[in-house]
Amino acid sequence: KNILSNHSRTVLLVTHDIEEAIALSNRIIIINGKTNPIFSEIVVAESLRNHNDIFSKDYVILYKKILSLITKE
């Protein structure tokens, strides 16, 4: 996280950890499906990247939205 904040670079992070994706990302791209992939983009508000606030209403809504997108068949 410190490297990202100290250097003006674009970074591609591949993860299966929703909390990590929210904490480190400005945007989350979800790719779901093998034959016909579905791409979803979520913009993460800077206020939600604060890992100390994982029980806020907005954080939980975002987490559930991402979870629903990655569990669709």
PDB file of N, CA and C in Angstrom:
ATOM      1  N   LYS A   1       0.825  -1.189   0.000  1.00  0.00           N
ATOM      2  CA  LYS A   1       0.000   0.000   0.000  1.00  0.00           C
ATOM      3  C   LYS A   1       0.870   1.254   0.000  1.00  0.00           C
ATOM      4  N   ASN A   2       1.984   1.224   0.726  1.00  0.00           N
ATOM      5  CA  ASN A   2       2.890   2.371   0.757  1.00  0.00           C
ATOM      6  C   ASN A   2       3.518   2.633  -0.600  1.00  0.00           C
ATOM      7  N   ILE A   3       3.895   1.585  -1.302  1.00  0.00           N
ATOM      8  CA  ILE A   3       4.480   1.738  -2.636  1.00  0.00           C
ATOM      9  C   ILE A   3       3.478   2.411  -3.566  1.00  0.00           C
ATOM     10  N   LEU A   4       2.219   1.990  -3.509  1.00  0.00           N
ATOM     11  CA  LEU A   4       1.192   2.586  -4.364  1.00  0.00           C
ATOM     12  C   LEU A   4       0.992   4.062  -4.055  1.00  0.00           C
ATOM     13  N   SER A   5       1.029   4.428  -2.790  1.00  0.00           N
ATOM     14  CA  SER A   5       0.783   5.825  -2.430  1.00  0.00           C
ATOM     15  C   SER A   5       1.991   6.716  -2.696  1.00  0.00           C
ATOM     16  N   ASN A   6       3.198   6.154  -2.732  1.00  0.00           N
ATOM     17  CA  ASN A   6       4.405   6.955  -2.928  1.00  0.00           C
ATOM     18  C   ASN A   6       4.842   7.080  -4.381  1.00  0.00           C
ATOM     19  N   HIS A   7       4.291   6.273  -5.262  1.00  0.00           N
ATOM     20  CA  HIS A   7       4.691   6.295  -6.671  1.00  0.00           C
ATOM     21  C   HIS A   7       3.447   6.419  -7.538  1.00  0.00           C
ATOM     22  N   SER A   8       3.537   7.281  -8.496  1.00  0.00           N
ATOM     23  CA  SER A   8       2.403   7.489  -9.404  1.00  0.00           C
ATOM     24  C   SER A   8       2.481   6.463 -10.535  1.00  0.00           C
ATOM     25  N   ARG A   9       2.009   5.273 -10.279  1.00  0.00           N
ATOM     26  CA  ARG A   9       2.070   4.184 -11.250  1.00  0.00           C
ATOM     27  C   ARG A   9       0.725   3.468 -11.307  1.00  0.00           C
ATOM     28  N   THR A  10       0.467   2.858 -12.440  1.00  0.00           N
ATOM     29  CA  THR A  10      -0.690   1.986 -12.572  1.00  0.00           C
ATOM     30  C   THR A  10      -0.231   0.575 -12.239  1.00  0.00           C
ATOM     31  N   VAL A  11      -0.989  -0.095 -11.390  1.00  0.00           N
ATOM     32  CA  VAL A  11      -0.626  -1.443 -10.956  1.00  0.00           C
ATOM     33  C   VAL A  11      -1.808  -2.362 -11.212  1.00  0.00           C
ATOM     34  N   LEU A  12      -1.525  -3.527 -11.747  1.00  0.00           N
ATOM     35  CA  LEU A  12      -2.544  -4.551 -11.926  1.00  0.00           C
ATOM     36  C   LEU A  12      -2.335  -5.603 -10.845  1.00  0.00           C
ATOM     37  N   LEU A  13      -3.333  -5.765 -10.012  1.00  0.00           N
ATOM     38  CA  LEU A  13      -3.280  -6.734  -8.919  1.00  0.00           C
ATOM     39  C   LEU A  13      -4.355  -7.782  -9.167  1.00  0.00           C
ATOM     40  N   VAL A  14      -3.960  -9.021  -9.239  1.00  0.00           N
ATOM     41  CA  VAL A  14      -4.924 -10.116  -9.398  1.00  0.00           C
ATOM     42  C   VAL A  14      -5.075 -10.772  -8.035  1.00  0.00           C
ATOM     43  N   THR A  15      -6.307 -10.798  -7.543  1.00  0.00           N
ATOM     44  CA  THR A  15      -6.558 -11.359  -6.220  1.00  0.00           C
ATOM     45  C   THR A  15      -7.931 -12.004  -6.173  1.00  0.00           C
ATOM     46  N   HIS A  16      -8.096 -12.907  -5.250  1.00  0.00           N
ATOM     47  CA  HIS A  16      -9.400 -13.495  -4.976  1.00  0.00           C
ATOM     48  C   HIS A  16      -9.910 -13.027  -3.610  1.00  0.00           C
ATOM     49  N   ASP A  17      -9.188 -12.086  -3.010  1.00  0.00           N
ATOM     50  CA  ASP A  17      -9.511 -11.574  -1.682  1.00  0.00           C
ATOM     51  C   ASP A  17     -10.248 -10.244  -1.837  1.00  0.00           C
ATOM     52  N   ILE A  18     -11.522 -10.229  -1.513  1.00  0.00           N
ATOM     53  CA  ILE A  18     -12.348  -9.028  -1.691  1.00  0.00           C
ATOM     54  C   ILE A  18     -11.840  -7.885  -0.821  1.00  0.00           C
ATOM     55  N   GLU A  19     -11.502  -8.149   0.424  1.00  0.00           N
ATOM     56  CA  GLU A  19     -11.008  -7.092   1.318  1.00  0.00           C
ATOM     57  C   GLU A  19      -9.731  -6.461   0.778  1.00  0.00           C
ATOM     58  N   GLU A  20      -8.828  -7.291   0.260  1.00  0.00           N
ATOM     59  CA  GLU A  20      -7.583  -6.785  -0.320  1.00  0.00           C
ATOM     60  C   GLU A  20      -7.877  -5.911  -1.543  1.00  0.00           C
ATOM     61  N   ALA A  21      -8.793  -6.360  -2.370  1.00  0.00           N
ATOM     62  CA  ALA A  21      -9.147  -5.594  -3.566  1.00  0.00           C
ATOM     63  C   ALA A  21      -9.705  -4.221  -3.190  1.00  0.00           C
ATOM     64  N   ILE A  22     -10.579  -4.172  -2.202  1.00  0.00           N
ATOM     65  CA  ILE A  22     -11.157  -2.901  -1.777  1.00  0.00           C
ATOM     66  C   ILE A  22     -10.081  -1.997  -1.167  1.00  0.00           C
ATOM     67  N   ALA A  23      -9.227  -2.564  -0.329  1.00  0.00           N
ATOM     68  CA  ALA A  23      -8.210  -1.776   0.376  1.00  0.00           C
ATOM     69  C   ALA A  23      -7.171  -1.178  -0.555  1.00  0.00           C
ATOM     70  N   LEU A  24      -6.877  -1.850  -1.673  1.00  0.00           N
ATOM     71  CA  LEU A  24      -5.771  -1.417  -2.527  1.00  0.00           C
ATOM     72  C   LEU A  24      -6.185  -0.824  -3.865  1.00  0.00           C
ATOM     73  N   SER A  25      -7.461  -0.762  -4.141  1.00  0.00           N
ATOM     74  CA  SER A  25      -7.884  -0.427  -5.505  1.00  0.00           C
ATOM     75  C   SER A  25      -8.680   0.865  -5.606  1.00  0.00           C
ATOM     76  N   ASN A  26      -8.468   1.529  -6.737  1.00  0.00           N
ATOM     77  CA  ASN A  26      -9.342   2.628  -7.141  1.00  0.00           C
ATOM     78  C   ASN A  26     -10.516   2.059  -7.926  1.00  0.00           C
ATOM     79  N   ARG A  27     -10.206   1.039  -8.728  1.00  0.00           N
ATOM     80  CA  ARG A  27     -11.224   0.361  -9.534  1.00  0.00           C
ATOM     81  C   ARG A  27     -11.006  -1.137  -9.417  1.00  0.00           C
ATOM     82  N   ILE A  28     -12.100  -1.862  -9.415  1.00  0.00           N
ATOM     83  CA  ILE A  28     -12.048  -3.325  -9.387  1.00  0.00           C
ATOM     84  C   ILE A  28     -12.741  -3.812 -10.655  1.00  0.00           C
ATOM     85  N   ILE A  29     -12.036  -4.645 -11.399  1.00  0.00           N
ATOM     86  CA  ILE A  29     -12.605  -5.266 -12.595  1.00  0.00           C
ATOM     87  C   ILE A  29     -12.827  -6.732 -12.260  1.00  0.00           C
ATOM     88  N   ILE A  30     -14.060  -7.171 -12.400  1.00  0.00           N
ATOM     89  CA  ILE A  30     -14.402  -8.561 -12.117  1.00  0.00           C
ATOM     90  C   ILE A  30     -14.645  -9.263 -13.442  1.00  0.00           C
ATOM     91  N   ILE A  31     -13.938 -10.371 -13.628  1.00  0.00           N
ATOM     92  CA  ILE A  31     -14.108 -11.190 -14.827  1.00  0.00           C
ATOM     93  C   ILE A  31     -14.726 -12.498 -14.374  1.00  0.00           C
ATOM     94  N   ASN A  32     -15.928 -12.778 -14.867  1.00  0.00           N
ATOM     95  CA  ASN A  32     -16.644 -13.964 -14.434  1.00  0.00           C
ATOM     96  C   ASN A  32     -17.108 -14.742 -15.651  1.00  0.00           C
ATOM     97  N   GLY A  33     -16.869 -16.033 -15.649  1.00  0.00           N
ATOM     98  CA  GLY A  33     -17.302 -16.887 -16.745  1.00  0.00           C
ATOM     99  C   GLY A  33     -16.120 -17.376 -17.554  1.00  0.00           C
ATOM    100  N   LYS A  34     -16.217 -18.596 -18.039  1.00  0.00           N
ATOM    101  CA  LYS A  34     -15.123 -19.187 -18.806  1.00  0.00           C
ATOM    102  C   LYS A  34     -15.345 -19.061 -20.304  1.00  0.00           C
ATOM    103  N   THR A  35     -16.521 -19.437 -20.770  1.00  0.00           N
ATOM    104  CA  THR A  35     -16.789 -19.432 -22.205  1.00  0.00           C
ATOM    105  C   THR A  35     -17.081 -18.032 -22.714  1.00  0.00           C
ATOM    106  N   ASN A  36     -18.013 -17.355 -22.085  1.00  0.00           N
ATOM    107  CA  ASN A  36     -18.375 -15.983 -22.439  1.00  0.00           C
ATOM    108  C   ASN A  36     -18.191 -15.099 -21.213  1.00  0.00           C
ATOM    109  N   PRO A  37     -16.966 -14.609 -21.009  1.00  0.00           N
ATOM    110  CA  PRO A  37     -16.708 -13.838 -19.792  1.00  0.00           C
ATOM    111  C   PRO A  37     -17.553 -12.578 -19.704  1.00  0.00           C
ATOM    112  N   ILE A  38     -17.961 -12.274 -18.498  1.00  0.00           N
ATOM    113  CA  ILE A  38     -18.700 -11.054 -18.194  1.00  0.00           C
ATOM    114  C   ILE A  38     -17.764 -10.160 -17.381  1.00  0.00           C
ATOM    115  N   PHE A  39     -17.616  -8.937 -17.832  1.00  0.00           N
ATOM    116  CA  PHE A  39     -16.739  -7.990 -17.152  1.00  0.00           C
ATOM    117  C   PHE A  39     -17.597  -6.972 -16.405  1.00  0.00           C
ATOM    118  N   SER A  40     -17.265  -6.759 -15.148  1.00  0.00           N
ATOM    119  CA  SER A  40     -17.944  -5.762 -14.331  1.00  0.00           C
ATOM    120  C   SER A  40     -16.884  -4.842 -13.747  1.00  0.00           C
ATOM    121  N   GLU A  41     -17.172  -3.556 -13.710  1.00  0.00           N
ATOM    122  CA  GLU A  41     -16.234  -2.584 -13.145  1.00  0.00           C
ATOM    123  C   GLU A  41     -16.887  -1.883 -11.962  1.00  0.00           C
ATOM    124  N   ILE A  42     -16.129  -1.793 -10.894  1.00  0.00           N
ATOM    125  CA  ILE A  42     -16.595  -1.105  -9.693  1.00  0.00           C
ATOM    126  C   ILE A  42     -15.551  -0.056  -9.329  1.00  0.00           C
ATOM    127  N   VAL A  43     -16.006   1.164  -9.124  1.00  0.00           N
ATOM    128  CA  VAL A  43     -15.127   2.241  -8.661  1.00  0.00           C
ATOM    129  C   VAL A  43     -15.210   2.262  -7.137  1.00  0.00           C
ATOM    130  N   VAL A  44     -14.052   2.220  -6.498  1.00  0.00           N
ATOM    131  CA  VAL A  44     -13.994   2.175  -5.035  1.00  0.00           C
ATOM    132  C   VAL A  44     -13.762   3.586  -4.500  1.00  0.00           C
ATOM    133  N   ALA A  45     -14.676   4.050  -3.670  1.00  0.00           N
ATOM    134  CA  ALA A  45     -14.524   5.368  -3.047  1.00  0.00           C
ATOM    135  C   ALA A  45     -13.317   5.350  -2.110  1.00  0.00           C
ATOM    136  N   GLU A  46     -12.598   6.450  -2.091  1.00  0.00           N
ATOM    137  CA  GLU A  46     -11.398   6.527  -1.259  1.00  0.00           C
ATOM    138  C   GLU A  46     -11.719   6.264   0.214  1.00  0.00           C
ATOM    139  N   SER A  47     -12.885   6.701   0.652  1.00  0.00           N
ATOM    140  CA  SER A  47     -13.278   6.506   2.052  1.00  0.00           C
ATOM    141  C   SER A  47     -13.437   5.023   2.401  1.00  0.00           C
ATOM    142  N   LEU A  48     -13.725   4.180   1.415  1.00  0.00           N
ATOM    143  CA  LEU A  48     -13.909   2.750   1.684  1.00  0.00           C
ATOM    144  C   LEU A  48     -12.588   1.986   1.704  1.00  0.00           C
ATOM    145  N   ARG A  49     -11.521   2.627   1.265  1.00  0.00           N
ATOM    146  CA  ARG A  49     -10.216   1.964   1.279  1.00  0.00           C
ATOM    147  C   ARG A  49      -9.586   1.959   2.664  1.00  0.00           C
ATOM    148  N   ASN A  50     -10.237   2.614   3.620  1.00  0.00           N
ATOM    149  CA  ASN A  50      -9.765   2.624   4.997  1.00  0.00           C
ATOM    150  C   ASN A  50     -10.151   1.290   5.632  1.00  0.00           C
ATOM    151  N   HIS A  51      -9.180   0.420   5.817  1.00  0.00           N
ATOM    152  CA  HIS A  51      -9.442  -0.943   6.291  1.00  0.00           C
ATOM    153  C   HIS A  51      -9.993  -0.987   7.717  1.00  0.00           C
ATOM    154  N   ASN A  52      -9.935   0.132   8.422  1.00  0.00           N
ATOM    155  CA  ASN A  52     -10.459   0.166   9.792  1.00  0.00           C
ATOM    156  C   ASN A  52     -11.975   0.274   9.828  1.00  0.00           C
ATOM    157  N   ASP A  53     -12.576   0.501   8.679  1.00  0.00           N
ATOM    158  CA  ASP A  53     -14.015   0.777   8.634  1.00  0.00           C
ATOM    159  C   ASP A  53     -14.776  -0.316   7.883  1.00  0.00           C
ATOM    160  N   ILE A  54     -14.370  -1.579   8.070  1.00  0.00           N
ATOM    161  CA  ILE A  54     -14.973  -2.674   7.304  1.00  0.00           C
ATOM    162  C   ILE A  54     -16.396  -3.004   7.743  1.00  0.00           C
ATOM    163  N   PHE A  55     -16.863  -2.413   8.828  1.00  0.00           N
ATOM    164  CA  PHE A  55     -18.220  -2.680   9.286  1.00  0.00           C
ATOM    165  C   PHE A  55     -19.178  -1.538   8.960  1.00  0.00           C
ATOM    166  N   SER A  56     -18.693  -0.547   8.206  1.00  0.00           N
ATOM    167  CA  SER A  56     -19.591   0.540   7.816  1.00  0.00           C
ATOM    168  C   SER A  56     -20.617   0.017   6.816  1.00  0.00           C
ATOM    169  N   LYS A  57     -21.742   0.673   6.768  1.00  0.00           N
ATOM    170  CA  LYS A  57     -22.829   0.262   5.870  1.00  0.00           C
ATOM    171  C   LYS A  57     -22.364   0.251   4.412  1.00  0.00           C
ATOM    172  N   ASP A  58     -21.655   1.308   3.981  1.00  0.00           N
ATOM    173  CA  ASP A  58     -21.197   1.398   2.592  1.00  0.00           C
ATOM    174  C   ASP A  58     -20.191   0.304   2.241  1.00  0.00           C
ATOM    175  N   TYR A  59     -19.299  -0.014   3.186  1.00  0.00           N
ATOM    176  CA  TYR A  59     -18.317  -1.070   2.955  1.00  0.00           C
ATOM    177  C   TYR A  59     -19.020  -2.416   2.785  1.00  0.00           C
ATOM    178  N   VAL A  60     -19.961  -2.707   3.655  1.00  0.00           N
ATOM    179  CA  VAL A  60     -20.678  -3.986   3.594  1.00  0.00           C
ATOM    180  C   VAL A  60     -21.478  -4.093   2.294  1.00  0.00           C
ATOM    181  N   ILE A  61     -22.094  -3.000   1.876  1.00  0.00           N
ATOM    182  CA  ILE A  61     -22.840  -2.999   0.607  1.00  0.00           C
ATOM    183  C   ILE A  61     -21.901  -3.300  -0.559  1.00  0.00           C
ATOM    184  N   LEU A  62     -20.742  -2.640  -0.575  1.00  0.00           N
ATOM    185  CA  LEU A  62     -19.768  -2.878  -1.651  1.00  0.00           C
ATOM    186  C   LEU A  62     -19.266  -4.320  -1.628  1.00  0.00           C
ATOM    187  N   TYR A  63     -18.943  -4.817  -0.448  1.00  0.00           N
ATOM    188  CA  TYR A  63     -18.455  -6.193  -0.304  1.00  0.00           C
ATOM    189  C   TYR A  63     -19.493  -7.185  -0.855  1.00  0.00           C
ATOM    190  N   LYS A  64     -20.749  -7.000  -0.468  1.00  0.00           N
ATOM    191  CA  LYS A  64     -21.816  -7.900  -0.927  1.00  0.00           C
ATOM    192  C   LYS A  64     -22.021  -7.797  -2.435  1.00  0.00           C
ATOM    193  N   LYS A  65     -21.888  -6.590  -2.987  1.00  0.00           N
ATOM    194  CA  LYS A  65     -22.021  -6.414  -4.435  1.00  0.00           C
ATOM    195  C   LYS A  65     -20.931  -7.187  -5.170  1.00  0.00           C
ATOM    196  N   ILE A  66     -19.690  -7.072  -4.696  1.00  0.00           N
ATOM    197  CA  ILE A  66     -18.587  -7.795  -5.318  1.00  0.00           C
ATOM    198  C   ILE A  66     -18.803  -9.292  -5.173  1.00  0.00           C
ATOM    199  N   LEU A  67     -19.189  -9.726  -3.999  1.00  0.00           N
ATOM    200  CA  LEU A  67     -19.437 -11.150  -3.759  1.00  0.00           C
ATOM    201  C   LEU A  67     -20.507 -11.687  -4.695  1.00  0.00           C
ATOM    202  N   SER A  68     -21.562 -10.922  -4.898  1.00  0.00           N
ATOM    203  CA  SER A  68     -22.628 -11.391  -5.798  1.00  0.00           C
ATOM    204  C   SER A  68     -22.140 -11.483  -7.241  1.00  0.00           C
ATOM    205  N   LEU A  69     -21.251 -10.585  -7.633  1.00  0.00           N
ATOM    206  CA  LEU A  69     -20.740 -10.611  -9.002  1.00  0.00           C
ATOM    207  C   LEU A  69     -19.790 -11.791  -9.236  1.00  0.00           C
ATOM    208  N   ILE A  70     -19.014 -12.159  -8.222  1.00  0.00           N
ATOM    209  CA  ILE A  70     -18.066 -13.253  -8.424  1.00  0.00           C
ATOM    210  C   ILE A  70     -18.706 -14.634  -8.241  1.00  0.00           C
ATOM    211  N   THR A  71     -19.897 -14.676  -7.670  1.00  0.00           N
ATOM    212  CA  THR A  71     -20.539 -15.972  -7.468  1.00  0.00           C
ATOM    213  C   THR A  71     -21.580 -16.284  -8.520  1.00  0.00           C
ATOM    214  N   LYS A  72     -21.804 -15.353  -9.462  1.00  0.00           N
ATOM    215  CA  LYS A  72     -22.754 -15.637 -10.542  1.00  0.00           C
ATOM    216  C   LYS A  72     -22.164 -16.690 -11.457  1.00  0.00           C
ATOM    217  N   GLU A  73     -22.988 -17.598 -11.908  1.00  0.00           N
ATOM    218  CA  GLU A  73     -22.542 -18.655 -12.833  1.00  0.00           C
ATOM    219  C   GLU A  73     -22.607 -18.167 -14.247  1.00  0.00           C
TER     220      GLU A  73
END
